[in-house]
Amino acid sequence: MAIYSTRWFARWANQQGLTNEALCRAVHEMSRGLYEANLGRNLLKKRIARPGGGKSGGFRTLVATNFGSLWIFLFGFAKNEQEDIEPDDLNGYRKWADELAEMSLHQIHEAHGKGALMRVDCDA
C-alpha cells in the first residue's frame, strides 16, 4: 500500500503535530471502510484526532484514493477553523483526486522524486 501526501499537506500536518503514525492509522481505517464521507470520484473525507484529543474536535482531511493500493492526503483543516469545503473547491479536489488515482506507479514515483508528493512512512 502506497501512502503519500501533497507537499502542502505534509507541511500543514507537521504544523498541527499530526504524525505519520496517525496518518497510517487513518489509511488503515479507510481501507476497512471507516471514513466519514465518500465525496465521489476517488475522494474521501476522514476525521483524524488531534494529538492528545478526540476526533470530534480534531481535523478533517481529504484523501484521494484508488480504493486499493494508493492513498494521497490532499488537504486538511481543523473543525474549529473551517466548517466545510466550498462546492467549487470540492469539485476541484474531486478532479484532482481523479487524476491522482489514475496515475501509474511510475508517475507517482516521479512526482515523489520531484517533491510534489511526500511519502508517508508507516514502518517507523
Foldseek 3Di string as FASTA:
>chain_A
DFEKEFLVVVVVCVVQVNALQQVVVQVVCVLVVDADDDLDQQKTKHFTARVVGDRVQAKIWIWGELSPDYIYTYDMDTCVVDVDDDPVVSVVVSVVSNVVHPDDPVVVVVCVVVRRMPTRDNPD
